[in-house]
Amino acid sequence: MKKLMFAAFLSILGGCASPDYNYTSITTEISEPPLDTINTAYIGDVMLRQGKYSEHDAIYLSKTVGAGWAYDVLPGYYLKQGDDSNSETYMPSNDTDGGRIDKAVLADPWSAVMVYKDKPTLCVITAFSAMVCETNATFERVKKPVLSTNSFQQTLIYNGKVGNKINIGYREFSNNLARPAFNNNVEYDLKASNKIGYKGARIELIEATNELIKYRVIRNFNKASL
């Protein structure tokens, strides 16, 4: 009986492995909309956006993957941590849409998730460098925008028109959190000029009503430093 139990235990293990941690995410600059194009924004819409965010390689599970009796890898995003010639290491994303790993009471603590590059095998790596694998796992490789210490964004928002004046809101976000000390609402008199500016951004106004604004971006924000 002991030999049978030992054989059954070995059948769910994929061998030994250690997680890889050699991955670096890519920082992407955003500047929207393109310069010198005619755009329309409605009240509450973002007119202008500039900043940067990190784009991370990830896998997405749409359904639970069971790794033997010991672990359930739950649906959600798992962010890449590293790789070698055959496999890739992932950890659950910390976002609300991140995945999670549930373990059985008697199972060893887990340390990471591993997938192979050339086959649909997903493994849980334990704290003792053992692997428990599912050889027919369903997952999708994706790019996921993630919040990081250098995530930063500036926006202008259309707040409407009263008489000949329009109201534009300025908002700053760092790591997806608003920075209230830097937020502001500004009124512009259309009788004075059909061009407005804020923090280096320059916009030509084509039409403004209580419902929408049509405009052309001449220049985006100056580069901000945190």
C-alpha atoms as a PDB file:
ATOM      1  CA  MET A   1       0.000   0.000   0.000  1.00  0.00           C
ATOM      2  CA  LYS A   2       2.824   2.408   0.840  1.00  0.00           C
ATOM      3  CA  LYS A   3       4.444   1.722  -2.545  1.00  0.00           C
ATOM      4  CA  LEU A   4       1.154   2.439  -4.319  1.00  0.00           C
ATOM      5  CA  MET A   5       0.673   5.710  -2.415  1.00  0.00           C
ATOM      6  CA  PHE A   6       4.259   6.705  -3.186  1.00  0.00           C
ATOM      7  CA  ALA A   7       3.770   5.892  -6.893  1.00  0.00           C
ATOM      8  CA  ALA A   8       0.541   7.922  -6.984  1.00  0.00           C
ATOM      9  CA  PHE A   9       2.317  10.844  -5.343  1.00  0.00           C
ATOM     10  CA  LEU A  10       5.145  10.718  -7.860  1.00  0.00           C
ATOM     11  CA  SER A  11       2.680  10.663 -10.765  1.00  0.00           C
ATOM     12  CA  ILE A  12       1.524  14.215 -10.017  1.00  0.00           C
ATOM     13  CA  LEU A  13       5.006  15.597  -9.573  1.00  0.00           C
ATOM     14  CA  GLY A  14       6.793  16.980 -12.595  1.00  0.00           C
ATOM     15  CA  GLY A  15      10.242  16.758 -11.070  1.00  0.00           C
ATOM     16  CA  CYS A  16      12.213  19.524  -9.413  1.00  0.00           C
ATOM     17  CA  ALA A  17      12.465  23.171 -10.407  1.00  0.00           C
ATOM     18  CA  SER A  18      13.365  26.585  -9.101  1.00  0.00           C
ATOM     19  CA  PRO A  19      11.549  29.793 -10.130  1.00  0.00           C
ATOM     20  CA  ASP A  20      13.308  32.195 -12.502  1.00  0.00           C
ATOM     21  CA  TYR A  21      13.334  35.920 -11.693  1.00  0.00           C
ATOM     22  CA  ASN A  22      15.093  37.521 -14.659  1.00  0.00           C
ATOM     23  CA  TYR A  23      12.151  39.361 -16.288  1.00  0.00           C
ATOM     24  CA  THR A  24      11.801  43.145 -16.644  1.00  0.00           C
ATOM     25  CA  SER A  25       8.541  44.725 -17.777  1.00  0.00           C
ATOM     26  CA  ILE A  26       8.378  47.329 -20.552  1.00  0.00           C
ATOM     27  CA  THR A  27       7.502  50.942 -19.784  1.00  0.00           C
ATOM     28  CA  THR A  28       5.194  52.414 -22.429  1.00  0.00           C
ATOM     29  CA  GLU A  29       4.686  56.128 -23.123  1.00  0.00           C
ATOM     30  CA  ILE A  30       1.156  57.297 -23.964  1.00  0.00           C
ATOM     31  CA  SER A  31       0.161  60.565 -25.632  1.00  0.00           C
ATOM     32  CA  GLU A  32      -3.456  60.836 -26.792  1.00  0.00           C
ATOM     33  CA  PRO A  33      -4.994  62.009 -29.046  1.00  0.00           C
ATOM     34  CA  PRO A  34      -2.497  62.465 -31.897  1.00  0.00           C
ATOM     35  CA  LEU A  35      -1.411  66.031 -32.613  1.00  0.00           C
ATOM     36  CA  ASP A  36      -3.160  68.028 -35.351  1.00  0.00           C
ATOM     37  CA  THR A  37      -6.232  65.791 -35.549  1.00  0.00           C
ATOM     38  CA  ILE A  38      -9.834  66.906 -34.984  1.00  0.00           C
ATOM     39  CA  ASN A  39     -11.349  65.242 -31.922  1.00  0.00           C
ATOM     40  CA  THR A  40     -14.676  65.303 -30.085  1.00  0.00           C
ATOM     41  CA  ALA A  41     -15.160  64.896 -26.326  1.00  0.00           C
ATOM     42  CA  TYR A  42     -18.408  64.912 -24.365  1.00  0.00           C
ATOM     43  CA  ILE A  43     -18.865  66.269 -20.843  1.00  0.00           C
ATOM     44  CA  GLY A  44     -16.815  64.151 -18.468  1.00  0.00           C
ATOM     45  CA  ASP A  45     -14.632  62.736 -21.248  1.00  0.00           C
ATOM     46  CA  VAL A  46     -10.853  62.964 -21.278  1.00  0.00           C
ATOM     47  CA  MET A  47      -9.699  65.434 -23.939  1.00  0.00           C
ATOM     48  CA  LEU A  48      -5.971  64.942 -23.529  1.00  0.00           C
ATOM     49  CA  ARG A  49      -3.893  62.230 -21.882  1.00  0.00           C
ATOM     50  CA  GLN A  50      -0.170  61.869 -21.414  1.00  0.00           C
ATOM     51  CA  GLY A  51       1.907  59.611 -19.220  1.00  0.00           C
ATOM     52  CA  LYS A  52       3.464  56.198 -18.933  1.00  0.00           C
ATOM     53  CA  TYR A  53       2.629  52.750 -17.623  1.00  0.00           C
ATOM     54  CA  SER A  54       4.294  49.366 -17.425  1.00  0.00           C
ATOM     55  CA  GLU A  55       3.226  46.593 -19.779  1.00  0.00           C
ATOM     56  CA  HIS A  56       3.871  43.149 -18.339  1.00  0.00           C
ATOM     57  CA  ASP A  57       3.920  39.723 -19.984  1.00  0.00           C
ATOM     58  CA  ALA A  58       1.273  37.576 -18.322  1.00  0.00           C
ATOM     59  CA  ILE A  59      -0.881  34.507 -18.642  1.00  0.00           C
ATOM     60  CA  TYR A  60      -4.637  34.575 -18.181  1.00  0.00           C
ATOM     61  CA  LEU A  61      -6.652  31.635 -16.897  1.00  0.00           C
ATOM     62  CA  SER A  62     -10.362  31.702 -17.720  1.00  0.00           C
ATOM     63  CA  LYS A  63     -11.070  28.658 -15.561  1.00  0.00           C
ATOM     64  CA  THR A  64      -9.489  26.826 -12.660  1.00  0.00           C
ATOM     65  CA  VAL A  65      -6.571  24.504 -13.406  1.00  0.00           C
ATOM     66  CA  GLY A  66      -6.213  21.665 -10.943  1.00  0.00           C
ATOM     67  CA  ALA A  67      -2.656  20.529 -10.323  1.00  0.00           C
ATOM     68  CA  GLY A  68      -3.163  17.076  -8.870  1.00  0.00           C
ATOM     69  CA  TRP A  69      -4.963  16.813  -5.534  1.00  0.00           C
ATOM     70  CA  ALA A  70      -2.787  19.463  -3.931  1.00  0.00           C
ATOM     71  CA  TYR A  71      -3.360  22.785  -5.740  1.00  0.00           C
ATOM     72  CA  ASP A  72      -6.032  24.728  -7.602  1.00  0.00           C
ATOM     73  CA  VAL A  73      -4.765  27.576  -9.798  1.00  0.00           C
ATOM     74  CA  LEU A  74      -7.766  29.894  -9.920  1.00  0.00           C
ATOM     75  CA  PRO A  75      -8.879  32.125 -12.839  1.00  0.00           C
ATOM     76  CA  GLY A  76      -7.203  35.495 -13.326  1.00  0.00           C
ATOM     77  CA  TYR A  77      -3.923  37.085 -14.382  1.00  0.00           C
ATOM     78  CA  TYR A  78      -0.460  35.809 -13.467  1.00  0.00           C
ATOM     79  CA  LEU A  79       2.514  38.102 -14.140  1.00  0.00           C
ATOM     80  CA  LYS A  80       5.768  36.847 -15.619  1.00  0.00           C
ATOM     81  CA  GLN A  81       8.768  36.769 -13.288  1.00  0.00           C
ATOM     82  CA  GLY A  82      11.381  35.114 -15.471  1.00  0.00           C
ATOM     83  CA  ASP A  83      12.183  32.297 -17.871  1.00  0.00           C
ATOM     84  CA  ASP A  84      14.773  29.873 -19.135  1.00  0.00           C
ATOM     85  CA  SER A  85      15.112  27.967 -22.406  1.00  0.00           C
ATOM     86  CA  ASN A  86      12.141  25.670 -21.677  1.00  0.00           C
ATOM     87  CA  SER A  87       9.779  27.348 -19.229  1.00  0.00           C
ATOM     88  CA  GLU A  88       8.420  30.583 -17.766  1.00  0.00           C
ATOM     89  CA  THR A  89       7.754  31.543 -14.156  1.00  0.00           C
ATOM     90  CA  TYR A  90       4.630  33.496 -13.107  1.00  0.00           C
ATOM     91  CA  MET A  91       3.101  34.903  -9.937  1.00  0.00           C
ATOM     92  CA  PRO A  92      -0.501  36.001  -9.280  1.00  0.00           C
ATOM     93  CA  SER A  93      -1.134  39.641 -10.159  1.00  0.00           C
ATOM     94  CA  ASN A  94      -1.852  41.916  -7.192  1.00  0.00           C
ATOM     95  CA  ASP A  95      -4.727  43.592  -9.068  1.00  0.00           C
ATOM     96  CA  THR A  96      -8.378  42.821  -8.366  1.00  0.00           C
ATOM     97  CA  ASP A  97      -8.382  40.614 -11.487  1.00  0.00           C
ATOM     98  CA  GLY A  98      -5.335  38.654 -10.369  1.00  0.00           C
ATOM     99  CA  GLY A  99      -5.408  34.892  -9.944  1.00  0.00           C
ATOM    100  CA  ARG A 100      -4.930  32.898  -6.776  1.00  0.00           C
ATOM    101  CA  ILE A 101      -3.562  29.519  -5.775  1.00  0.00           C
ATOM    102  CA  ASP A 102      -5.437  27.370  -3.273  1.00  0.00           C
ATOM    103  CA  LYS A 103      -3.610  24.451  -1.673  1.00  0.00           C
ATOM    104  CA  ALA A 104      -4.823  21.394   0.144  1.00  0.00           C
ATOM    105  CA  VAL A 105      -4.273  21.305   3.907  1.00  0.00           C
ATOM    106  CA  LEU A 106      -1.493  18.720   3.726  1.00  0.00           C
ATOM    107  CA  ALA A 107       0.206  20.197   0.643  1.00  0.00           C
ATOM    108  CA  ASP A 108       3.492  22.082   0.812  1.00  0.00           C
ATOM    109  CA  PRO A 109       3.404  25.882   0.480  1.00  0.00           C
ATOM    110  CA  TRP A 110       3.650  27.065  -3.119  1.00  0.00           C
ATOM    111  CA  SER A 111       6.245  29.529  -4.413  1.00  0.00           C
ATOM    112  CA  ALA A 112       5.319  30.162  -8.090  1.00  0.00           C
ATOM    113  CA  VAL A 113       3.520  28.950 -11.201  1.00  0.00           C
ATOM    114  CA  MET A 114       5.476  27.578 -14.148  1.00  0.00           C
ATOM    115  CA  VAL A 115       4.364  26.932 -17.724  1.00  0.00           C
ATOM    116  CA  TYR A 116       6.283  25.294 -20.536  1.00  0.00           C
ATOM    117  CA  LYS A 117       6.988  27.181 -23.746  1.00  0.00           C
ATOM    118  CA  ASP A 118       6.235  24.317 -26.121  1.00  0.00           C
ATOM    119  CA  LYS A 119       3.315  22.477 -24.502  1.00  0.00           C
ATOM    120  CA  PRO A 120       0.132  23.246 -22.519  1.00  0.00           C
ATOM    121  CA  THR A 121       1.591  22.155 -19.187  1.00  0.00           C
ATOM    122  CA  LEU A 122       1.117  24.280 -16.078  1.00  0.00           C
ATOM    123  CA  CYS A 123       2.908  23.444 -12.853  1.00  0.00           C
ATOM    124  CA  VAL A 124       2.894  24.720  -9.303  1.00  0.00           C
ATOM    125  CA  ILE A 125       6.409  24.980  -7.876  1.00  0.00           C
ATOM    126  CA  THR A 126       6.475  24.284  -4.150  1.00  0.00           C
ATOM    127  CA  ALA A 127       8.599  25.936  -1.508  1.00  0.00           C
ATOM    128  CA  PHE A 128      10.770  22.806  -1.585  1.00  0.00           C
ATOM    129  CA  SER A 129      11.384  23.037  -5.372  1.00  0.00           C
ATOM    130  CA  ALA A 130       9.009  20.183  -6.255  1.00  0.00           C
ATOM    131  CA  MET A 131       6.534  20.523  -9.142  1.00  0.00           C
ATOM    132  CA  VAL A 132       2.894  19.463  -9.356  1.00  0.00           C
ATOM    133  CA  CYS A 133       1.681  19.674 -12.956  1.00  0.00           C
ATOM    134  CA  GLU A 134      -1.378  19.592 -15.175  1.00  0.00           C
ATOM    135  CA  THR A 135      -0.394  18.487 -18.682  1.00  0.00           C
ATOM    136  CA  ASN A 136      -3.526  19.762 -20.449  1.00  0.00           C
ATOM    137  CA  ALA A 137      -3.991  23.216 -18.972  1.00  0.00           C
ATOM    138  CA  THR A 138      -5.837  26.036 -20.739  1.00  0.00           C
ATOM    139  CA  PHE A 139      -4.222  29.470 -20.489  1.00  0.00           C
ATOM    140  CA  GLU A 140      -3.583  32.477 -22.717  1.00  0.00           C
ATOM    141  CA  ARG A 141      -0.398  34.530 -23.006  1.00  0.00           C
ATOM    142  CA  VAL A 142      -1.243  38.251 -22.897  1.00  0.00           C
ATOM    143  CA  LYS A 143       0.213  41.713 -22.316  1.00  0.00           C
ATOM    144  CA  LYS A 144      -1.163  43.364 -19.173  1.00  0.00           C
ATOM    145  CA  PRO A 145      -0.834  47.040 -18.204  1.00  0.00           C
ATOM    146  CA  VAL A 146       0.240  47.119 -14.584  1.00  0.00           C
ATOM    147  CA  LEU A 147       0.765  49.807 -11.978  1.00  0.00           C
ATOM    148  CA  SER A 148       4.342  50.448 -11.000  1.00  0.00           C
ATOM    149  CA  THR A 149       6.352  52.982  -9.057  1.00  0.00           C
ATOM    150  CA  ASN A 150       6.885  55.047 -12.229  1.00  0.00           C
ATOM    151  CA  SER A 151       3.303  54.980 -13.513  1.00  0.00           C
ATOM    152  CA  PHE A 152       2.161  58.563 -14.058  1.00  0.00           C
ATOM    153  CA  GLN A 153      -0.612  60.222 -16.030  1.00  0.00           C
ATOM    154  CA  GLN A 154      -1.889  63.738 -16.760  1.00  0.00           C
ATOM    155  CA  THR A 155      -5.322  64.423 -18.219  1.00  0.00           C
ATOM    156  CA  LEU A 156      -7.586  67.280 -19.268  1.00  0.00           C
ATOM    157  CA  ILE A 157     -11.336  66.678 -18.902  1.00  0.00           C
ATOM    158  CA  TYR A 158     -14.192  68.617 -20.485  1.00  0.00           C
ATOM    159  CA  ASN A 159     -16.604  69.867 -17.797  1.00  0.00           C
ATOM    160  CA  GLY A 160     -19.011  71.885 -19.975  1.00  0.00           C
ATOM    161  CA  LYS A 161     -19.845  75.418 -21.040  1.00  0.00           C
ATOM    162  CA  VAL A 162     -21.641  78.303 -19.284  1.00  0.00           C
ATOM    163  CA  GLY A 163     -22.226  81.373 -21.407  1.00  0.00           C
ATOM    164  CA  ASN A 164     -19.008  82.099 -23.281  1.00  0.00           C
ATOM    165  CA  LYS A 165     -16.832  80.188 -20.803  1.00  0.00           C
ATOM    166  CA  ILE A 166     -15.791  76.555 -20.788  1.00  0.00           C
ATOM    167  CA  ASN A 167     -14.571  74.610 -17.782  1.00  0.00           C
ATOM    168  CA  ILE A 168     -11.625  72.230 -18.126  1.00  0.00           C
ATOM    169  CA  GLY A 169     -10.495  69.894 -15.359  1.00  0.00           C
ATOM    170  CA  TYR A 170      -6.858  68.929 -14.880  1.00  0.00           C
ATOM    171  CA  ARG A 171      -6.107  65.630 -13.108  1.00  0.00           C
ATOM    172  CA  GLU A 172      -2.884  63.846 -12.204  1.00  0.00           C
ATOM    173  CA  PHE A 173      -2.579  60.168 -11.342  1.00  0.00           C
ATOM    174  CA  SER A 174       0.388  58.289  -9.913  1.00  0.00           C
ATOM    175  CA  ASN A 175       0.158  54.490  -9.640  1.00  0.00           C
ATOM    176  CA  ASN A 176      -3.521  54.891 -10.640  1.00  0.00           C
ATOM    177  CA  LEU A 177      -4.181  57.066  -7.564  1.00  0.00           C
ATOM    178  CA  ALA A 178      -5.355  60.654  -7.945  1.00  0.00           C
ATOM    179  CA  ARG A 179      -3.011  63.355  -6.679  1.00  0.00           C
ATOM    180  CA  PRO A 180      -5.585  65.856  -5.289  1.00  0.00           C
ATOM    181  CA  ALA A 181      -2.975  68.511  -4.518  1.00  0.00           C
ATOM    182  CA  PHE A 182      -2.247  68.779  -8.249  1.00  0.00           C
ATOM    183  CA  ASN A 183      -5.856  68.700  -9.494  1.00  0.00           C
ATOM    184  CA  ASN A 184      -7.522  71.862 -10.740  1.00  0.00           C
ATOM    185  CA  ASN A 185     -10.548  73.199 -12.648  1.00  0.00           C
ATOM    186  CA  VAL A 186      -9.939  76.150 -14.961  1.00  0.00           C
ATOM    187  CA  GLU A 187     -12.357  78.406 -16.834  1.00  0.00           C
ATOM    188  CA  TYR A 188     -11.497  79.820 -20.261  1.00  0.00           C
ATOM    189  CA  ASP A 189     -13.305  82.740 -21.911  1.00  0.00           C
ATOM    190  CA  LEU A 190     -13.931  81.914 -25.564  1.00  0.00           C
ATOM    191  CA  LYS A 191     -14.263  85.626 -26.362  1.00  0.00           C
ATOM    192  CA  ALA A 192     -10.609  86.100 -25.465  1.00  0.00           C
ATOM    193  CA  SER A 193      -9.215  83.326 -27.676  1.00  0.00           C
ATOM    194  CA  ASN A 194     -10.073  80.015 -29.312  1.00  0.00           C
ATOM    195  CA  LYS A 195      -6.795  78.556 -27.992  1.00  0.00           C
ATOM    196  CA  ILE A 196      -6.273  77.367 -24.439  1.00  0.00           C
ATOM    197  CA  GLY A 197      -3.236  76.095 -22.589  1.00  0.00           C
ATOM    198  CA  TYR A 198      -2.350  74.322 -19.372  1.00  0.00           C
ATOM    199  CA  LYS A 199       1.034  72.964 -18.167  1.00  0.00           C
ATOM    200  CA  GLY A 200       2.490  73.221 -21.643  1.00  0.00           C
ATOM    201  CA  ALA A 201      -0.471  71.667 -23.438  1.00  0.00           C
ATOM    202  CA  ARG A 202      -2.007  73.800 -26.207  1.00  0.00           C
ATOM    203  CA  ILE A 203      -5.455  73.155 -27.703  1.00  0.00           C
ATOM    204  CA  GLU A 204      -7.335  74.917 -30.493  1.00  0.00           C
ATOM    205  CA  LEU A 205     -11.094  74.976 -29.895  1.00  0.00           C
ATOM    206  CA  ILE A 206     -13.322  74.445 -32.922  1.00  0.00           C
ATOM    207  CA  GLU A 207     -16.746  74.129 -31.272  1.00  0.00           C
ATOM    208  CA  ALA A 208     -17.964  74.024 -27.668  1.00  0.00           C
ATOM    209  CA  THR A 209     -21.479  73.380 -26.337  1.00  0.00           C
ATOM    210  CA  ASN A 210     -23.070  72.157 -23.105  1.00  0.00           C
ATOM    211  CA  GLU A 211     -22.856  68.659 -24.580  1.00  0.00           C
ATOM    212  CA  LEU A 212     -19.550  68.368 -26.406  1.00  0.00           C
ATOM    213  CA  ILE A 213     -16.341  70.028 -27.514  1.00  0.00           C
ATOM    214  CA  LYS A 214     -14.488  69.718 -30.826  1.00  0.00           C
ATOM    215  CA  TYR A 215     -10.817  70.550 -30.710  1.00  0.00           C
ATOM    216  CA  ARG A 216      -7.334  70.056 -32.141  1.00  0.00           C
ATOM    217  CA  VAL A 217      -4.296  69.314 -29.968  1.00  0.00           C
ATOM    218  CA  ILE A 218      -1.395  71.558 -30.938  1.00  0.00           C
ATOM    219  CA  ARG A 219       1.013  70.392 -28.215  1.00  0.00           C
ATOM    220  CA  ASN A 220       0.823  67.902 -25.352  1.00  0.00           C
ATOM    221  CA  PHE A 221       1.916  68.465 -21.739  1.00  0.00           C
ATOM    222  CA  ASN A 222       5.456  69.301 -20.816  1.00  0.00           C
ATOM    223  CA  LYS A 223       7.259  66.276 -19.385  1.00  0.00           C
ATOM    224  CA  ALA A 224       6.428  66.188 -15.691  1.00  0.00           C
ATOM    225  CA  SER A 225       8.760  65.078 -12.956  1.00  0.00           C
ATOM    226  CA  LEU A 226       7.457  63.372  -9.849  1.00  0.00           C
END
